[in-house]
Amino acid sequence: MAAFQNGYFVGLCNRVGREEELDFAGESFVCGPDGVMLARAGTGTEEVLVADLDLTACDRSFARRLFLRHRRPELYAGWLGSTPT
């Protein structure tokens, strides 16, 4: 969801195996700026996940056309209690 809303790639890494009382399933993934899953690791398998990324997809993303144009970064410093640089 964050990838789609912000128009960037997201990669999530997860461990595999058991540690104390926790079971880690793996299933790491890479998601594109359109929200589509580009690559996903298997359940319970140790593997290296590789995905080819087209970085120009960020410029073409829905978020860039819809959400980002309405952002007002000049207001961020005031909300965060700091002065703009």
PDB file of N, CA and C in Angstrom:
ATOM      1  N   MET A   1       0.813  -1.188   0.000  1.00  0.00           N
ATOM      2  CA  MET A   1       0.000   0.000   0.000  1.00  0.00           C
ATOM      3  C   MET A   1       0.864   1.263   0.000  1.00  0.00           C
ATOM      4  N   ALA A   2       1.934   1.285   0.785  1.00  0.00           N
ATOM      5  CA  ALA A   2       2.802   2.464   0.837  1.00  0.00           C
ATOM      6  C   ALA A   2       3.433   2.740  -0.517  1.00  0.00           C
ATOM      7  N   ALA A   3       3.759   1.700  -1.261  1.00  0.00           N
ATOM      8  CA  ALA A   3       4.355   1.876  -2.583  1.00  0.00           C
ATOM      9  C   ALA A   3       3.391   2.626  -3.488  1.00  0.00           C
ATOM     10  N   PHE A   4       2.152   2.209  -3.527  1.00  0.00           N
ATOM     11  CA  PHE A   4       1.147   2.835  -4.381  1.00  0.00           C
ATOM     12  C   PHE A   4       0.849   4.258  -3.938  1.00  0.00           C
ATOM     13  N   GLN A   5       0.672   4.482  -2.655  1.00  0.00           N
ATOM     14  CA  GLN A   5       0.312   5.799  -2.143  1.00  0.00           C
ATOM     15  C   GLN A   5       1.416   6.826  -2.329  1.00  0.00           C
ATOM     16  N   ASN A   6       2.672   6.380  -2.311  1.00  0.00           N
ATOM     17  CA  ASN A   6       3.793   7.309  -2.392  1.00  0.00           C
ATOM     18  C   ASN A   6       4.548   7.254  -3.707  1.00  0.00           C
ATOM     19  N   GLY A   7       4.233   6.298  -4.558  1.00  0.00           N
ATOM     20  CA  GLY A   7       4.846   6.229  -5.879  1.00  0.00           C
ATOM     21  C   GLY A   7       6.301   5.807  -5.871  1.00  0.00           C
ATOM     22  N   TYR A   8       6.664   4.881  -4.986  1.00  0.00           N
ATOM     23  CA  TYR A   8       8.035   4.393  -4.978  1.00  0.00           C
ATOM     24  C   TYR A   8       8.052   2.877  -4.783  1.00  0.00           C
ATOM     25  N   PHE A   9       9.217   2.281  -4.944  1.00  0.00           N
ATOM     26  CA  PHE A   9       9.381   0.849  -4.754  1.00  0.00           C
ATOM     27  C   PHE A   9       9.496   0.535  -3.267  1.00  0.00           C
ATOM     28  N   VAL A  10       8.996  -0.621  -2.876  1.00  0.00           N
ATOM     29  CA  VAL A  10       9.092  -1.073  -1.499  1.00  0.00           C
ATOM     30  C   VAL A  10       9.649  -2.489  -1.503  1.00  0.00           C
ATOM     31  N   GLY A  11      10.620  -2.727  -0.641  1.00  0.00           N
ATOM     32  CA  GLY A  11      11.149  -4.071  -0.442  1.00  0.00           C
ATOM     33  C   GLY A  11      11.027  -4.440   1.019  1.00  0.00           C
ATOM     34  N   LEU A  12      10.504  -5.617   1.290  1.00  0.00           N
ATOM     35  CA  LEU A  12      10.355  -6.090   2.659  1.00  0.00           C
ATOM     36  C   LEU A  12      11.140  -7.383   2.814  1.00  0.00           C
ATOM     37  N   CYS A  13      11.970  -7.429   3.839  1.00  0.00           N
ATOM     38  CA  CYS A  13      12.767  -8.627   4.125  1.00  0.00           C
ATOM     39  C   CYS A  13      12.247  -9.279   5.397  1.00  0.00           C
ATOM     40  N   ASN A  14      12.160 -10.592   5.361  1.00  0.00           N
ATOM     41  CA  ASN A  14      11.738 -11.331   6.543  1.00  0.00           C
ATOM     42  C   ASN A  14      12.647 -12.542   6.729  1.00  0.00           C
ATOM     43  N   ARG A  15      12.886 -12.888   7.966  1.00  0.00           N
ATOM     44  CA  ARG A  15      13.705 -14.055   8.283  1.00  0.00           C
ATOM     45  C   ARG A  15      12.922 -15.341   8.038  1.00  0.00           C
ATOM     46  N   VAL A  16      13.650 -16.439   8.105  1.00  0.00           N
ATOM     47  CA  VAL A  16      13.058 -17.768   7.967  1.00  0.00           C
ATOM     48  C   VAL A  16      13.502 -18.607   9.159  1.00  0.00           C
ATOM     49  N   GLY A  17      12.571 -19.361   9.715  1.00  0.00           N
ATOM     50  CA  GLY A  17      12.921 -20.285  10.793  1.00  0.00           C
ATOM     51  C   GLY A  17      12.309 -19.903  12.117  1.00  0.00           C
ATOM     52  N   ARG A  18      12.745 -20.606  13.135  1.00  0.00           N
ATOM     53  CA  ARG A  18      12.198 -20.417  14.483  1.00  0.00           C
ATOM     54  C   ARG A  18      13.243 -19.755  15.367  1.00  0.00           C
ATOM     55  N   GLU A  19      12.773 -18.809  16.177  1.00  0.00           N
ATOM     56  CA  GLU A  19      13.627 -18.141  17.154  1.00  0.00           C
ATOM     57  C   GLU A  19      12.823 -18.001  18.435  1.00  0.00           C
ATOM     58  N   GLU A  20      13.226 -18.719  19.466  1.00  0.00           N
ATOM     59  CA  GLU A  20      12.490 -18.789  20.734  1.00  0.00           C
ATOM     60  C   GLU A  20      11.031 -19.166  20.462  1.00  0.00           C
ATOM     61  N   GLU A  21      10.103 -18.279  20.721  1.00  0.00           N
ATOM     62  CA  GLU A  21       8.676 -18.592  20.542  1.00  0.00           C
ATOM     63  C   GLU A  21       8.120 -18.103  19.208  1.00  0.00           C
ATOM     64  N   LEU A  22       8.971 -17.573  18.338  1.00  0.00           N
ATOM     65  CA  LEU A  22       8.495 -16.981  17.082  1.00  0.00           C
ATOM     66  C   LEU A  22       8.877 -17.833  15.886  1.00  0.00           C
ATOM     67  N   ASP A  23       7.945 -17.953  14.952  1.00  0.00           N
ATOM     68  CA  ASP A  23       8.215 -18.597  13.671  1.00  0.00           C
ATOM     69  C   ASP A  23       8.233 -17.522  12.593  1.00  0.00           C
ATOM     70  N   PHE A  24       9.298 -17.496  11.797  1.00  0.00           N
ATOM     71  CA  PHE A  24       9.426 -16.535  10.706  1.00  0.00           C
ATOM     72  C   PHE A  24       9.231 -17.271   9.391  1.00  0.00           C
ATOM     73  N   ALA A  25       8.310 -16.797   8.580  1.00  0.00           N
ATOM     74  CA  ALA A  25       7.880 -17.514   7.380  1.00  0.00           C
ATOM     75  C   ALA A  25       8.673 -17.171   6.134  1.00  0.00           C
ATOM     76  N   GLY A  26       9.471 -16.103   6.173  1.00  0.00           N
ATOM     77  CA  GLY A  26      10.122 -15.671   4.937  1.00  0.00           C
ATOM     78  C   GLY A  26       9.167 -14.785   4.160  1.00  0.00           C
ATOM     79  N   GLU A  27       8.906 -15.139   2.913  1.00  0.00           N
ATOM     80  CA  GLU A  27       7.980 -14.405   2.048  1.00  0.00           C
ATOM     81  C   GLU A  27       8.370 -12.945   1.853  1.00  0.00           C
ATOM     82  N   SER A  28       9.669 -12.672   1.791  1.00  0.00           N
ATOM     83  CA  SER A  28      10.116 -11.314   1.478  1.00  0.00           C
ATOM     84  C   SER A  28       9.553 -10.934   0.110  1.00  0.00           C
ATOM     85  N   PHE A  29       9.412  -9.634  -0.146  1.00  0.00           N
ATOM     86  CA  PHE A  29       8.860  -9.233  -1.443  1.00  0.00           C
ATOM     87  C   PHE A  29       9.372  -7.870  -1.884  1.00  0.00           C
ATOM     88  N   VAL A  30       9.179  -7.590  -3.166  1.00  0.00           N
ATOM     89  CA  VAL A  30       9.448  -6.280  -3.758  1.00  0.00           C
ATOM     90  C   VAL A  30       8.174  -5.865  -4.479  1.00  0.00           C
ATOM     91  N   CYS A  31       7.736  -4.642  -4.210  1.00  0.00           N
ATOM     92  CA  CYS A  31       6.509  -4.123  -4.793  1.00  0.00           C
ATOM     93  C   CYS A  31       6.833  -2.855  -5.578  1.00  0.00           C
ATOM     94  N   GLY A  32       6.205  -2.675  -6.732  1.00  0.00           N
ATOM     95  CA  GLY A  32       6.443  -1.503  -7.578  1.00  0.00           C
ATOM     96  C   GLY A  32       5.589  -0.322  -7.182  1.00  0.00           C
ATOM     97  N   PRO A  33       5.864   0.854  -7.748  1.00  0.00           N
ATOM     98  CA  PRO A  33       5.122   2.065  -7.401  1.00  0.00           C
ATOM     99  C   PRO A  33       3.650   2.027  -7.805  1.00  0.00           C
ATOM    100  N   ASP A  34       3.271   1.055  -8.603  1.00  0.00           N
ATOM    101  CA  ASP A  34       1.864   0.893  -8.975  1.00  0.00           C
ATOM    102  C   ASP A  34       1.142  -0.075  -8.032  1.00  0.00           C
ATOM    103  N   GLY A  35       1.861  -0.583  -7.027  1.00  0.00           N
ATOM    104  CA  GLY A  35       1.278  -1.498  -6.064  1.00  0.00           C
ATOM    105  C   GLY A  35       1.352  -2.961  -6.471  1.00  0.00           C
ATOM    106  N   VAL A  36       1.935  -3.248  -7.631  1.00  0.00           N
ATOM    107  CA  VAL A  36       2.033  -4.622  -8.119  1.00  0.00           C
ATOM    108  C   VAL A  36       3.272  -5.297  -7.535  1.00  0.00           C
ATOM    109  N   MET A  37       3.096  -6.535  -7.067  1.00  0.00           N
ATOM    110  CA  MET A  37       4.213  -7.297  -6.535  1.00  0.00           C
ATOM    111  C   MET A  37       5.108  -7.742  -7.692  1.00  0.00           C
ATOM    112  N   LEU A  38       6.392  -7.377  -7.622  1.00  0.00           N
ATOM    113  CA  LEU A  38       7.345  -7.693  -8.684  1.00  0.00           C
ATOM    114  C   LEU A  38       8.084  -9.002  -8.420  1.00  0.00           C
ATOM    115  N   ALA A  39       8.317  -9.320  -7.161  1.00  0.00           N
ATOM    116  CA  ALA A  39       9.023 -10.551  -6.807  1.00  0.00           C
ATOM    117  C   ALA A  39       8.639 -10.926  -5.384  1.00  0.00           C
ATOM    118  N   ARG A  40       8.566 -12.243  -5.149  1.00  0.00           N
ATOM    119  CA  ARG A  40       8.229 -12.715  -3.800  1.00  0.00           C
ATOM    120  C   ARG A  40       8.977 -14.007  -3.523  1.00  0.00           C
ATOM    121  N   ALA A  41       9.572 -14.069  -2.345  1.00  0.00           N
ATOM    122  CA  ALA A  41      10.271 -15.284  -1.927  1.00  0.00           C
ATOM    123  C   ALA A  41       9.255 -16.294  -1.413  1.00  0.00           C
ATOM    124  N   GLY A  42       9.669 -17.516  -1.361  1.00  0.00           N
ATOM    125  CA  GLY A  42       8.786 -18.585  -0.915  1.00  0.00           C
ATOM    126  C   GLY A  42       8.564 -18.600   0.578  1.00  0.00           C
ATOM    127  N   THR A  43       7.594 -19.389   0.982  1.00  0.00           N
ATOM    128  CA  THR A  43       7.277 -19.571   2.392  1.00  0.00           C
ATOM    129  C   THR A  43       8.222 -20.599   2.999  1.00  0.00           C
ATOM    130  N   GLY A  44       8.928 -20.198   4.045  1.00  0.00           N
ATOM    131  CA  GLY A  44       9.788 -21.114   4.769  1.00  0.00           C
ATOM    132  C   GLY A  44      11.062 -21.511   4.044  1.00  0.00           C
ATOM    133  N   THR A  45      11.426 -20.806   2.994  1.00  0.00           N
ATOM    134  CA  THR A  45      12.645 -21.143   2.254  1.00  0.00           C
ATOM    135  C   THR A  45      13.647 -20.008   2.351  1.00  0.00           C
ATOM    136  N   GLU A  46      14.906 -20.372   2.528  1.00  0.00           N
ATOM    137  CA  GLU A  46      15.969 -19.369   2.516  1.00  0.00           C
ATOM    138  C   GLU A  46      16.360 -19.142   1.072  1.00  0.00           C
ATOM    139  N   GLU A  47      16.299 -17.905   0.634  1.00  0.00           N
ATOM    140  CA  GLU A  47      16.655 -17.581  -0.744  1.00  0.00           C
ATOM    141  C   GLU A  47      17.040 -16.123  -0.871  1.00  0.00           C
ATOM    142  N   VAL A  48      17.727 -15.822  -1.952  1.00  0.00           N
ATOM    143  CA  VAL A  48      18.064 -14.447  -2.286  1.00  0.00           C
ATOM    144  C   VAL A  48      17.038 -13.987  -3.313  1.00  0.00           C
ATOM    145  N   LEU A  49      16.354 -12.909  -3.007  1.00  0.00           N
ATOM    146  CA  LEU A  49      15.315 -12.386  -3.885  1.00  0.00           C
ATOM    147  C   LEU A  49      15.903 -11.265  -4.729  1.00  0.00           C
ATOM    148  N   VAL A  50      15.706 -11.355  -6.038  1.00  0.00           N
ATOM    149  CA  VAL A  50      16.231 -10.363  -6.972  1.00  0.00           C
ATOM    150  C   VAL A  50      15.083  -9.854  -7.831  1.00  0.00           C
ATOM    151  N   ALA A  51      15.052  -8.537  -8.058  1.00  0.00           N
ATOM    152  CA  ALA A  51      14.024  -7.948  -8.920  1.00  0.00           C
ATOM    153  C   ALA A  51      14.659  -6.858  -9.764  1.00  0.00           C
ATOM    154  N   ASP A  52      14.319  -6.819 -11.041  1.00  0.00           N
ATOM    155  CA  ASP A  52      14.740  -5.723 -11.919  1.00  0.00           C
ATOM    156  C   ASP A  52      13.769  -4.573 -11.725  1.00  0.00           C
ATOM    157  N   LEU A  53      14.300  -3.373 -11.483  1.00  0.00           N
ATOM    158  CA  LEU A  53      13.466  -2.199 -11.238  1.00  0.00           C
ATOM    159  C   LEU A  53      13.626  -1.183 -12.354  1.00  0.00           C
ATOM    160  N   ASP A  54      12.534  -0.716 -12.879  1.00  0.00           N
ATOM    161  CA  ASP A  54      12.530   0.374 -13.850  1.00  0.00           C
ATOM    162  C   ASP A  54      12.260   1.653 -13.066  1.00  0.00           C
ATOM    163  N   LEU A  55      13.307   2.390 -12.758  1.00  0.00           N
ATOM    164  CA  LEU A  55      13.168   3.562 -11.885  1.00  0.00           C
ATOM    165  C   LEU A  55      12.305   4.664 -12.489  1.00  0.00           C
ATOM    166  N   THR A  56      12.127   4.666 -13.791  1.00  0.00           N
ATOM    167  CA  THR A  56      11.244   5.663 -14.411  1.00  0.00           C
ATOM    168  C   THR A  56       9.781   5.383 -14.076  1.00  0.00           C
ATOM    169  N   ALA A  57       9.469   4.195 -13.541  1.00  0.00           N
ATOM    170  CA  ALA A  57       8.102   3.882 -13.138  1.00  0.00           C
ATOM    171  C   ALA A  57       7.631   4.810 -12.018  1.00  0.00           C
ATOM    172  N   CYS A  58       8.553   5.313 -11.220  1.00  0.00           N
ATOM    173  CA  CYS A  58       8.179   6.254 -10.153  1.00  0.00           C
ATOM    174  C   CYS A  58       7.590   7.529 -10.748  1.00  0.00           C
ATOM    175  N   ASP A  59       8.189   8.020 -11.821  1.00  0.00           N
ATOM    176  CA  ASP A  59       7.689   9.236 -12.454  1.00  0.00           C
ATOM    177  C   ASP A  59       6.314   9.040 -13.082  1.00  0.00           C
ATOM    178  N   ARG A  60       6.002   7.826 -13.480  1.00  0.00           N
ATOM    179  CA  ARG A  60       4.724   7.520 -14.128  1.00  0.00           C
ATOM    180  C   ARG A  60       3.667   7.039 -13.139  1.00  0.00           C
ATOM    181  N   SER A  61       4.008   6.982 -11.875  1.00  0.00           N
ATOM    182  CA  SER A  61       3.102   6.391 -10.886  1.00  0.00           C
ATOM    183  C   SER A  61       1.851   7.236 -10.671  1.00  0.00           C
ATOM    184  N   PHE A  62       0.806   6.572 -10.240  1.00  0.00           N
ATOM    185  CA  PHE A  62      -0.462   7.220  -9.927  1.00  0.00           C
ATOM    186  C   PHE A  62      -0.285   8.262  -8.832  1.00  0.00           C
ATOM    187  N   ALA A  63       0.554   7.954  -7.863  1.00  0.00           N
ATOM    188  CA  ALA A  63       0.787   8.879  -6.739  1.00  0.00           C
ATOM    189  C   ALA A  63       1.367  10.195  -7.237  1.00  0.00           C
ATOM    190  N   ARG A  64       2.289  10.122  -8.191  1.00  0.00           N
ATOM    191  CA  ARG A  64       2.889  11.356  -8.719  1.00  0.00           C
ATOM    192  C   ARG A  64       1.843  12.214  -9.416  1.00  0.00           C
ATOM    193  N   ARG A  65       0.921  11.571 -10.114  1.00  0.00           N
ATOM    194  CA  ARG A  65      -0.097  12.321 -10.858  1.00  0.00           C
ATOM    195  C   ARG A  65      -1.215  12.831  -9.960  1.00  0.00           C
ATOM    196  N   LEU A  66      -1.520  12.103  -8.889  1.00  0.00           N
ATOM    197  CA  LEU A  66      -2.671  12.473  -8.074  1.00  0.00           C
ATOM    198  C   LEU A  66      -2.290  13.042  -6.710  1.00  0.00           C
ATOM    199  N   PHE A  67      -1.553  12.270  -5.918  1.00  0.00           N
ATOM    200  CA  PHE A  67      -1.308  12.662  -4.533  1.00  0.00           C
ATOM    201  C   PHE A  67      -0.204  13.696  -4.368  1.00  0.00           C
ATOM    202  N   LEU A  68       0.935  13.486  -5.001  1.00  0.00           N
ATOM    203  CA  LEU A  68       2.096  14.331  -4.731  1.00  0.00           C
ATOM    204  C   LEU A  68       1.892  15.781  -5.137  1.00  0.00           C
ATOM    205  N   ARG A  69       1.096  16.035  -6.140  1.00  0.00           N
ATOM    206  CA  ARG A  69       0.898  17.428  -6.564  1.00  0.00           C
ATOM    207  C   ARG A  69       0.143  18.245  -5.518  1.00  0.00           C
ATOM    208  N   HIS A  70      -0.540  17.571  -4.593  1.00  0.00           N
ATOM    209  CA  HIS A  70      -1.292  18.267  -3.551  1.00  0.00           C
ATOM    210  C   HIS A  70      -0.514  18.419  -2.246  1.00  0.00           C
ATOM    211  N   ARG A  71       0.674  17.883  -2.199  1.00  0.00           N
ATOM    212  CA  ARG A  71       1.480  18.015  -0.984  1.00  0.00           C
ATOM    213  C   ARG A  71       2.001  19.440  -0.853  1.00  0.00           C
ATOM    214  N   ARG A  72       2.184  19.886   0.381  1.00  0.00           N
ATOM    215  CA  ARG A  72       2.636  21.244   0.650  1.00  0.00           C
ATOM    216  C   ARG A  72       3.858  21.200   1.548  1.00  0.00           C
ATOM    217  N   PRO A  73       5.038  20.857   0.984  1.00  0.00           N
ATOM    218  CA  PRO A  73       6.235  20.691   1.807  1.00  0.00           C
ATOM    219  C   PRO A  73       6.637  21.956   2.562  1.00  0.00           C
ATOM    220  N   GLU A  74       6.207  23.120   2.113  1.00  0.00           N
ATOM    221  CA  GLU A  74       6.556  24.346   2.826  1.00  0.00           C
ATOM    222  C   GLU A  74       5.911  24.396   4.215  1.00  0.00           C
ATOM    223  N   LEU A  75       4.901  23.572   4.446  1.00  0.00           N
ATOM    224  CA  LEU A  75       4.246  23.517   5.750  1.00  0.00           C
ATOM    225  C   LEU A  75       4.887  22.521   6.708  1.00  0.00           C
ATOM    226  N   TYR A  76       5.697  21.611   6.217  1.00  0.00           N
ATOM    227  CA  TYR A  76       6.232  20.527   7.039  1.00  0.00           C
ATOM    228  C   TYR A  76       7.061  21.034   8.219  1.00  0.00           C
ATOM    229  N   ALA A  77       7.896  22.031   8.000  1.00  0.00           N
ATOM    230  CA  ALA A  77       8.766  22.529   9.066  1.00  0.00           C
ATOM    231  C   ALA A  77       7.931  23.036  10.248  1.00  0.00           C
ATOM    232  N   GLY A  78       6.851  23.746   9.978  1.00  0.00           N
ATOM    233  CA  GLY A  78       5.982  24.247  11.036  1.00  0.00           C
ATOM    234  C   GLY A  78       5.338  23.133  11.833  1.00  0.00           C
ATOM    235  N   TRP A  79       4.929  22.071  11.153  1.00  0.00           N
ATOM    236  CA  TRP A  79       4.307  20.933  11.828  1.00  0.00           C
ATOM    237  C   TRP A  79       5.312  20.183  12.689  1.00  0.00           C
ATOM    238  N   LEU A  80       6.568  20.175  12.250  1.00  0.00           N
ATOM    239  CA  LEU A  80       7.588  19.444  12.965  1.00  0.00           C
ATOM    240  C   LEU A  80       8.313  20.296  14.007  1.00  0.00           C
ATOM    241  N   GLY A  81       7.936  21.569  14.100  1.00  0.00           N
ATOM    242  CA  GLY A  81       8.535  22.441  15.097  1.00  0.00           C
ATOM    243  C   GLY A  81       9.929  22.905  14.763  1.00  0.00           C
ATOM    244  N   SER A  82      10.263  22.934  13.487  1.00  0.00           N
ATOM    245  CA  SER A  82      11.587  23.400  13.075  1.00  0.00           C
ATOM    246  C   SER A  82      11.429  24.480  12.017  1.00  0.00           C
ATOM    247  N   THR A  83      12.518  25.116  11.709  1.00  0.00           N
ATOM    248  CA  THR A  83      12.491  26.153  10.673  1.00  0.00           C
ATOM    249  C   THR A  83      13.009  25.565   9.364  1.00  0.00           C
ATOM    250  N   PRO A  84      12.454  25.993   8.238  1.00  0.00           N
ATOM    251  CA  PRO A  84      12.905  25.467   6.943  1.00  0.00           C
ATOM    252  C   PRO A  84      14.346  25.866   6.660  1.00  0.00           C
ATOM    253  N   THR A  85      15.044  25.025   5.934  1.00  0.00           N
ATOM    254  CA  THR A  85      16.428  25.333   5.575  1.00  0.00           C
ATOM    255  C   THR A  85      16.524  25.833   4.162  1.00  0.00           C
TER     256      THR A  85
END
